[in-house]
Amino acid sequence: MSKHEYAFDVKLFAVVRVEADSLARAKRAIVKALDCASFNVSFEHAQGAVRVTEASVDIDESGGPDLFEVDGEFVYEDEYEEKDSSQT
């Protein structure tokens, strides 16, 4: 029996870390970097290799990626207030 390669559109969740001077710029950087990005990440499985070859960002009604951490500290995005870095 011959093998076939099947392609699926799968929703994945990933942690993406970005260094930026504001939350808005960090979110824009993610969208620019990952929207329709091509790459090749392989995972070996008992049934064969699984490859992730493309990615795009799902922009929902909240405006993009969900913030959960700033400088290593857990935050709730709806409660997060950016501090002006020029005052520190």
Protein backbone atom coordinates (compact mmCIF):
# COMPACT_ATOMS: atom_id res chain seq x y z
CA MET A 1 0.00 0.00 0.00
CA SER A 2 1.41 3.42 -0.93
CA LYS A 3 1.58 6.28 1.53
CA HIS A 4 0.09 9.72 1.01
CA GLU A 5 0.85 13.10 2.58
CA TYR A 6 -2.25 14.71 4.06
CA ALA A 7 -2.37 18.46 4.88
CA PHE A 8 -4.70 19.76 7.60
CA ASP A 9 -5.61 23.24 8.79
CA VAL A 10 -5.18 22.83 12.56
CA LYS A 11 -5.65 25.37 15.33
CA LEU A 12 -2.59 25.26 17.61
CA PHE A 13 -1.80 27.22 20.74
CA ALA A 14 1.77 28.41 21.22
CA VAL A 15 3.66 30.71 23.55
CA VAL A 16 5.37 33.50 21.59
CA ARG A 17 7.69 35.85 23.48
CA VAL A 18 8.42 39.31 22.05
CA GLU A 19 10.66 42.10 23.30
CA ALA A 20 9.08 45.47 22.47
CA ASP A 21 8.58 48.89 24.02
CA SER A 22 4.79 48.56 24.15
CA LEU A 23 2.07 45.92 24.17
CA ALA A 24 0.65 47.22 20.88
CA ARG A 25 4.03 46.96 19.14
CA ALA A 26 4.58 43.47 20.52
CA LYS A 27 1.23 42.31 19.13
CA ARG A 28 1.95 43.89 15.73
CA ALA A 29 5.33 42.13 15.65
CA ILE A 30 3.67 38.75 16.21
CA VAL A 31 1.17 39.32 13.42
CA LYS A 32 3.87 40.50 11.00
CA ALA A 33 6.23 37.64 11.83
CA LEU A 34 3.73 34.79 11.84
CA ASP A 35 1.05 35.75 9.34
CA CYS A 36 1.38 33.07 6.65
CA ALA A 37 4.90 32.20 7.83
CA SER A 38 6.56 29.15 6.32
CA PHE A 39 8.77 26.88 8.39
CA ASN A 40 9.40 23.20 8.95
CA VAL A 41 9.12 21.65 12.41
CA SER A 42 8.95 17.84 12.56
CA PHE A 43 7.75 15.56 15.33
CA GLU A 44 8.35 11.82 15.20
CA HIS A 45 5.37 9.66 16.12
CA ALA A 46 4.79 5.91 16.12
CA GLN A 47 2.59 6.27 13.01
CA GLY A 48 5.15 8.44 11.21
CA ALA A 49 6.50 11.98 11.05
CA VAL A 50 4.22 14.96 11.66
CA ARG A 51 5.40 18.28 10.17
CA VAL A 52 4.18 21.81 10.84
CA THR A 53 4.95 23.81 7.69
CA GLU A 54 2.98 27.07 7.87
CA ALA A 55 1.46 29.36 10.47
CA SER A 56 -0.91 32.30 10.57
CA VAL A 57 -2.29 34.41 13.39
CA ASP A 58 -5.96 34.19 14.32
CA ILE A 59 -7.11 37.73 15.05
CA ASP A 60 -10.28 37.54 17.12
CA GLU A 61 -12.61 40.19 18.50
CA SER A 62 -10.17 40.91 21.35
CA GLY A 63 -7.63 42.25 18.87
CA GLY A 64 -5.07 39.50 18.60
CA PRO A 65 -2.83 37.34 20.71
CA ASP A 66 -3.78 36.93 24.37
CA LEU A 67 -1.30 38.45 26.84
CA PHE A 68 -0.62 36.34 29.94
CA GLU A 69 2.88 37.37 31.12
CA VAL A 70 5.06 40.50 31.28
CA ASP A 71 8.73 40.29 32.30
CA GLY A 72 8.18 36.80 33.71
CA GLU A 73 5.16 37.76 35.83
CA PHE A 74 1.66 36.40 35.17
CA VAL A 75 -0.90 39.09 34.23
CA TYR A 76 -4.54 39.27 33.22
CA GLU A 77 -4.58 41.26 30.00
CA ASP A 78 -7.84 43.06 30.81
CA GLU A 79 -6.30 44.25 34.11
CA TYR A 80 -2.82 45.08 32.73
CA GLU A 81 -1.79 48.72 32.63
CA GLU A 82 1.36 49.62 30.76
CA LYS A 83 3.87 51.69 32.68
CA ASP A 84 5.64 54.52 30.91
CA SER A 85 9.22 53.23 30.61
CA SER A 86 10.58 56.80 30.58
CA GLN A 87 9.48 57.17 34.25
CA THR A 88 11.56 54.24 35.52
